[in-house]
């Protein structure tokens, strides 16, 4: 793929998502001063990955990369170098148990996910549940559903795109004024 074509694709498909991307980053990252850097890091990862193979749909691809970047940053920020702490008892280690606000947010997110799953075509929903809930492999899913592995792969890919659209579009639409 030519660099020129990749640049045209990036400008046409990715840059129009900037407002939604920034909104998503602001919603999911508490340090507002990091948003511009996060956005640039998303763009770098999108461009590098797309240079190897263009995604079928830019929007779910961009938001999946943003989500993964936020997870990476969150994990990185939670790491405390052991040599940087003289007195280990002085570290105030929070409980792993979620607080009431986190529990409420998690229940709300779970409700949104259930609604999105219910809106998937039945075969896509079945494939996702077998893969993500029952932790079956593609061959096991194919056997259980009586379809080929390629069809399972297509159902999972379609479901991922639809879920990304349903979850991210609803999230970005919720922030817009009527």
C-alpha atoms as a PDB file:
ATOM      1  CA  UNK A   1       0.000   0.000   0.000  1.00  0.00           C
ATOM      2  CA  UNK A   2       1.336   3.402  -0.887  1.00  0.00           C
ATOM      3  CA  UNK A   3       2.020   6.038   1.742  1.00  0.00           C
ATOM      4  CA  UNK A   4      -0.084   8.497  -0.227  1.00  0.00           C
ATOM      5  CA  UNK A   5      -3.106   6.159  -0.199  1.00  0.00           C
ATOM      6  CA  UNK A   6      -2.635   5.556   3.536  1.00  0.00           C
ATOM      7  CA  UNK A   7      -2.524   9.301   4.206  1.00  0.00           C
ATOM      8  CA  UNK A   8      -5.693   9.854   2.151  1.00  0.00           C
ATOM      9  CA  UNK A   9      -7.422   7.031   4.027  1.00  0.00           C
ATOM     10  CA  UNK A  10      -6.313   8.481   7.370  1.00  0.00           C
ATOM     11  CA  UNK A  11      -7.582  11.969   6.536  1.00  0.00           C
ATOM     12  CA  UNK A  12     -10.849  10.673   5.083  1.00  0.00           C
ATOM     13  CA  UNK A  13     -11.682   7.957   7.637  1.00  0.00           C
ATOM     14  CA  UNK A  14      -9.867   8.692  10.906  1.00  0.00           C
ATOM     15  CA  UNK A  15      -9.616  12.454  11.326  1.00  0.00           C
ATOM     16  CA  UNK A  16     -13.414  12.996  11.118  1.00  0.00           C
ATOM     17  CA  UNK A  17     -13.669  10.835  14.267  1.00  0.00           C
ATOM     18  CA  UNK A  18     -11.541  13.274  16.277  1.00  0.00           C
ATOM     19  CA  UNK A  19     -14.386  14.937  18.189  1.00  0.00           C
ATOM     20  CA  UNK A  20     -15.842  11.577  19.223  1.00  0.00           C
ATOM     21  CA  UNK A  21     -12.380  10.253  20.064  1.00  0.00           C
ATOM     22  CA  UNK A  22     -11.559  13.253  22.265  1.00  0.00           C
ATOM     23  CA  UNK A  23     -14.948  12.944  23.986  1.00  0.00           C
ATOM     24  CA  UNK A  24     -14.308   9.260  24.627  1.00  0.00           C
ATOM     25  CA  UNK A  25     -10.824   9.992  25.991  1.00  0.00           C
ATOM     26  CA  UNK A  26     -12.131  12.790  28.249  1.00  0.00           C
ATOM     27  CA  UNK A  27     -14.885  10.508  29.528  1.00  0.00           C
ATOM     28  CA  UNK A  28     -12.500   7.662  30.330  1.00  0.00           C
ATOM     29  CA  UNK A  29      -9.330   9.445  31.492  1.00  0.00           C
ATOM     30  CA  UNK A  30      -9.276  11.642  34.569  1.00  0.00           C
ATOM     31  CA  UNK A  31      -6.209  13.725  33.657  1.00  0.00           C
ATOM     32  CA  UNK A  32      -7.454  16.295  31.138  1.00  0.00           C
ATOM     33  CA  UNK A  33      -3.946  17.540  30.430  1.00  0.00           C
ATOM     34  CA  UNK A  34      -3.105  14.135  28.885  1.00  0.00           C
ATOM     35  CA  UNK A  35      -5.914  14.110  26.307  1.00  0.00           C
ATOM     36  CA  UNK A  36      -3.920  15.685  23.438  1.00  0.00           C
ATOM     37  CA  UNK A  37      -1.053  13.232  23.994  1.00  0.00           C
ATOM     38  CA  UNK A  38      -3.448  10.299  24.193  1.00  0.00           C
ATOM     39  CA  UNK A  39      -5.126  11.388  20.955  1.00  0.00           C
ATOM     40  CA  UNK A  40      -1.745  11.585  19.208  1.00  0.00           C
ATOM     41  CA  UNK A  41      -0.754   8.168  20.553  1.00  0.00           C
ATOM     42  CA  UNK A  42      -4.014   6.725  19.209  1.00  0.00           C
ATOM     43  CA  UNK A  43      -3.298   8.296  15.823  1.00  0.00           C
ATOM     44  CA  UNK A  44       0.233   6.855  15.767  1.00  0.00           C
ATOM     45  CA  UNK A  45      -1.018   3.370  16.624  1.00  0.00           C
ATOM     46  CA  UNK A  46      -3.833   3.601  14.055  1.00  0.00           C
ATOM     47  CA  UNK A  47      -1.471   4.778  11.314  1.00  0.00           C
ATOM     48  CA  UNK A  48       1.192   2.164  12.085  1.00  0.00           C
ATOM     49  CA  UNK A  49      -1.331  -0.649  12.225  1.00  0.00           C
ATOM     50  CA  UNK A  50      -3.187   0.512   9.109  1.00  0.00           C
ATOM     51  CA  UNK A  51       0.104   0.678   7.205  1.00  0.00           C
ATOM     52  CA  UNK A  52       0.269  -3.109   7.570  1.00  0.00           C
ATOM     53  CA  UNK A  53      -3.396  -3.723   6.759  1.00  0.00           C
ATOM     54  CA  UNK A  54      -6.306  -1.331   6.459  1.00  0.00           C
ATOM     55  CA  UNK A  55      -9.190  -2.168   8.783  1.00  0.00           C
ATOM     56  CA  UNK A  56     -12.611  -2.934   7.353  1.00  0.00           C
ATOM     57  CA  UNK A  57     -14.158  -0.116   9.346  1.00  0.00           C
ATOM     58  CA  UNK A  58     -12.185   2.797  10.774  1.00  0.00           C
ATOM     59  CA  UNK A  59     -14.476   3.763  13.657  1.00  0.00           C
ATOM     60  CA  UNK A  60     -14.446   0.511  15.671  1.00  0.00           C
ATOM     61  CA  UNK A  61     -10.744   0.168  14.889  1.00  0.00           C
ATOM     62  CA  UNK A  62      -9.893   3.644  16.230  1.00  0.00           C
ATOM     63  CA  UNK A  63     -11.984   3.218  19.372  1.00  0.00           C
ATOM     64  CA  UNK A  64     -10.569  -0.246  20.065  1.00  0.00           C
ATOM     65  CA  UNK A  65      -7.067   1.208  19.856  1.00  0.00           C
ATOM     66  CA  UNK A  66      -8.093   4.091  22.133  1.00  0.00           C
ATOM     67  CA  UNK A  67      -9.542   1.638  24.644  1.00  0.00           C
ATOM     68  CA  UNK A  68      -6.395  -0.499  24.607  1.00  0.00           C
ATOM     69  CA  UNK A  69      -4.195   2.578  24.988  1.00  0.00           C
ATOM     70  CA  UNK A  70      -6.210   3.753  27.998  1.00  0.00           C
ATOM     71  CA  UNK A  71      -5.912   0.304  29.561  1.00  0.00           C
ATOM     72  CA  UNK A  72      -2.142   0.313  28.961  1.00  0.00           C
ATOM     73  CA  UNK A  73      -1.800   3.795  30.484  1.00  0.00           C
ATOM     74  CA  UNK A  74      -3.936   2.861  33.468  1.00  0.00           C
ATOM     75  CA  UNK A  75      -1.870  -0.239  34.137  1.00  0.00           C
ATOM     76  CA  UNK A  76       1.371   1.682  33.699  1.00  0.00           C
ATOM     77  CA  UNK A  77       0.267   4.400  36.142  1.00  0.00           C
ATOM     78  CA  UNK A  78      -0.600   1.798  38.787  1.00  0.00           C
ATOM     79  CA  UNK A  79       2.938   0.375  38.820  1.00  0.00           C
ATOM     80  CA  UNK A  80       4.975   1.597  41.795  1.00  0.00           C
ATOM     81  CA  UNK A  81       8.705   0.875  41.529  1.00  0.00           C
ATOM     82  CA  UNK A  82       9.707  -1.164  44.582  1.00  0.00           C
ATOM     83  CA  UNK A  83      13.062   0.612  44.954  1.00  0.00           C
ATOM     84  CA  UNK A  84      11.266   3.971  45.071  1.00  0.00           C
ATOM     85  CA  UNK A  85       9.564   3.132  48.362  1.00  0.00           C
ATOM     86  CA  UNK A  86      11.702   3.001  51.482  1.00  0.00           C
ATOM     87  CA  UNK A  87       8.954   1.945  53.870  1.00  0.00           C
ATOM     88  CA  UNK A  88       6.557  -0.572  52.332  1.00  0.00           C
ATOM     89  CA  UNK A  89       4.116  -0.122  55.212  1.00  0.00           C
ATOM     90  CA  UNK A  90       3.866   3.570  54.296  1.00  0.00           C
ATOM     91  CA  UNK A  91       2.172   2.705  51.024  1.00  0.00           C
ATOM     92  CA  UNK A  92      -1.558   3.149  51.317  1.00  0.00           C
ATOM     93  CA  UNK A  93      -2.735   0.199  49.248  1.00  0.00           C
ATOM     94  CA  UNK A  94      -6.398   0.532  48.399  1.00  0.00           C
ATOM     95  CA  UNK A  95      -8.677  -2.438  48.641  1.00  0.00           C
ATOM     96  CA  UNK A  96      -9.334  -4.377  45.463  1.00  0.00           C
ATOM     97  CA  UNK A  97     -13.026  -4.342  46.322  1.00  0.00           C
ATOM     98  CA  UNK A  98     -14.864  -1.794  44.197  1.00  0.00           C
ATOM     99  CA  UNK A  99     -16.585   1.078  45.942  1.00  0.00           C
ATOM    100  CA  UNK A 100     -20.297   1.733  45.591  1.00  0.00           C
ATOM    101  CA  UNK A 101     -19.762   4.207  42.750  1.00  0.00           C
ATOM    102  CA  UNK A 102     -17.670   1.712  40.757  1.00  0.00           C
ATOM    103  CA  UNK A 103     -20.277  -0.979  41.370  1.00  0.00           C
ATOM    104  CA  UNK A 104     -23.034   1.291  40.088  1.00  0.00           C
ATOM    105  CA  UNK A 105     -20.983   2.221  37.013  1.00  0.00           C
ATOM    106  CA  UNK A 106     -20.183  -1.442  36.360  1.00  0.00           C
ATOM    107  CA  UNK A 107     -23.880  -2.406  36.629  1.00  0.00           C
ATOM    108  CA  UNK A 108     -24.769   0.396  34.213  1.00  0.00           C
ATOM    109  CA  UNK A 109     -22.080  -0.697  31.735  1.00  0.00           C
ATOM    110  CA  UNK A 110     -23.232  -4.293  32.039  1.00  0.00           C
ATOM    111  CA  UNK A 111     -26.822  -3.211  31.320  1.00  0.00           C
ATOM    112  CA  UNK A 112     -25.650  -1.303  28.215  1.00  0.00           C
ATOM    113  CA  UNK A 113     -23.664  -4.339  27.071  1.00  0.00           C
ATOM    114  CA  UNK A 114     -26.682  -6.633  27.535  1.00  0.00           C
ATOM    115  CA  UNK A 115     -28.866  -4.270  25.503  1.00  0.00           C
ATOM    116  CA  UNK A 116     -26.201  -4.154  22.759  1.00  0.00           C
ATOM    117  CA  UNK A 117     -25.870  -7.964  22.784  1.00  0.00           C
ATOM    118  CA  UNK A 118     -29.644  -8.318  22.521  1.00  0.00           C
ATOM    119  CA  UNK A 119     -29.577  -6.119  19.400  1.00  0.00           C
ATOM    120  CA  UNK A 120     -27.069  -8.390  17.614  1.00  0.00           C
ATOM    121  CA  UNK A 121     -28.277 -10.886  15.015  1.00  0.00           C
ATOM    122  CA  UNK A 122     -28.963 -14.215  16.789  1.00  0.00           C
ATOM    123  CA  UNK A 123     -26.057 -16.159  15.250  1.00  0.00           C
ATOM    124  CA  UNK A 124     -23.561 -13.363  15.981  1.00  0.00           C
ATOM    125  CA  UNK A 125     -24.824 -13.140  19.571  1.00  0.00           C
ATOM    126  CA  UNK A 126     -24.543 -16.914  19.996  1.00  0.00           C
ATOM    127  CA  UNK A 127     -20.963 -16.918  18.671  1.00  0.00           C
ATOM    128  CA  UNK A 128     -19.948 -14.064  20.994  1.00  0.00           C
ATOM    129  CA  UNK A 129     -21.476 -15.743  24.048  1.00  0.00           C
ATOM    130  CA  UNK A 130     -19.783 -19.039  23.240  1.00  0.00           C
ATOM    131  CA  UNK A 131     -16.441 -17.275  22.738  1.00  0.00           C
ATOM    132  CA  UNK A 132     -16.475 -14.693  25.546  1.00  0.00           C
ATOM    133  CA  UNK A 133     -18.688 -16.263  28.197  1.00  0.00           C
ATOM    134  CA  UNK A 134     -18.135 -19.997  27.707  1.00  0.00           C
ATOM    135  CA  UNK A 135     -14.517 -19.458  26.557  1.00  0.00           C
ATOM    136  CA  UNK A 136     -14.804 -21.905  23.648  1.00  0.00           C
ATOM    137  CA  UNK A 137     -12.305 -21.941  20.778  1.00  0.00           C
ATOM    138  CA  UNK A 138     -13.362 -21.270  17.198  1.00  0.00           C
ATOM    139  CA  UNK A 139     -13.330 -24.984  16.288  1.00  0.00           C
ATOM    140  CA  UNK A 140     -15.482 -25.754  19.336  1.00  0.00           C
ATOM    141  CA  UNK A 141     -17.886 -22.947  18.439  1.00  0.00           C
ATOM    142  CA  UNK A 142     -18.067 -24.162  14.837  1.00  0.00           C
ATOM    143  CA  UNK A 143     -18.886 -27.666  16.007  1.00  0.00           C
ATOM    144  CA  UNK A 144     -21.480 -26.484  18.537  1.00  0.00           C
ATOM    145  CA  UNK A 145     -23.195 -24.169  16.011  1.00  0.00           C
ATOM    146  CA  UNK A 146     -22.856 -26.598  13.099  1.00  0.00           C
ATOM    147  CA  UNK A 147     -21.009 -24.081  10.880  1.00  0.00           C
ATOM    148  CA  UNK A 148     -17.501 -23.652   9.481  1.00  0.00           C
ATOM    149  CA  UNK A 149     -14.679 -21.952  11.377  1.00  0.00           C
ATOM    150  CA  UNK A 150     -14.614 -19.209   8.741  1.00  0.00           C
ATOM    151  CA  UNK A 151     -18.284 -18.516   9.391  1.00  0.00           C
ATOM    152  CA  UNK A 152     -17.563 -18.362  13.132  1.00  0.00           C
ATOM    153  CA  UNK A 153     -14.763 -15.896  12.431  1.00  0.00           C
ATOM    154  CA  UNK A 154     -17.116 -13.776  10.301  1.00  0.00           C
ATOM    155  CA  UNK A 155     -19.841 -13.852  12.994  1.00  0.00           C
ATOM    156  CA  UNK A 156     -17.320 -12.763  15.653  1.00  0.00           C
ATOM    157  CA  UNK A 157     -15.924 -10.003  13.435  1.00  0.00           C
ATOM    158  CA  UNK A 158     -19.393  -8.757  12.518  1.00  0.00           C
ATOM    159  CA  UNK A 159     -20.429  -8.856  16.171  1.00  0.00           C
ATOM    160  CA  UNK A 160     -17.342  -6.897  17.247  1.00  0.00           C
ATOM    161  CA  UNK A 161     -18.042  -4.191  14.672  1.00  0.00           C
ATOM    162  CA  UNK A 162     -21.724  -4.019  15.550  1.00  0.00           C
ATOM    163  CA  UNK A 163     -21.019  -3.916  19.283  1.00  0.00           C
ATOM    164  CA  UNK A 164     -18.456  -1.165  18.828  1.00  0.00           C
ATOM    165  CA  UNK A 165     -20.939   0.822  16.780  1.00  0.00           C
ATOM    166  CA  UNK A 166     -23.782   0.224  19.229  1.00  0.00           C
ATOM    167  CA  UNK A 167     -21.742   0.999  22.329  1.00  0.00           C
ATOM    168  CA  UNK A 168     -19.678   3.916  21.031  1.00  0.00           C
ATOM    169  CA  UNK A 169     -22.404   5.523  18.935  1.00  0.00           C
ATOM    170  CA  UNK A 170     -24.818   5.402  21.866  1.00  0.00           C
ATOM    171  CA  UNK A 171     -22.124   6.795  24.143  1.00  0.00           C
ATOM    172  CA  UNK A 172     -21.291   9.666  21.815  1.00  0.00           C
ATOM    173  CA  UNK A 173     -24.984  10.318  21.021  1.00  0.00           C
ATOM    174  CA  UNK A 174     -25.751  10.520  24.748  1.00  0.00           C
ATOM    175  CA  UNK A 175     -23.379  13.480  25.067  1.00  0.00           C
ATOM    176  CA  UNK A 176     -25.010  15.479  22.250  1.00  0.00           C
ATOM    177  CA  UNK A 177     -27.687  18.031  22.880  1.00  0.00           C
ATOM    178  CA  UNK A 178     -31.090  17.196  21.333  1.00  0.00           C
END
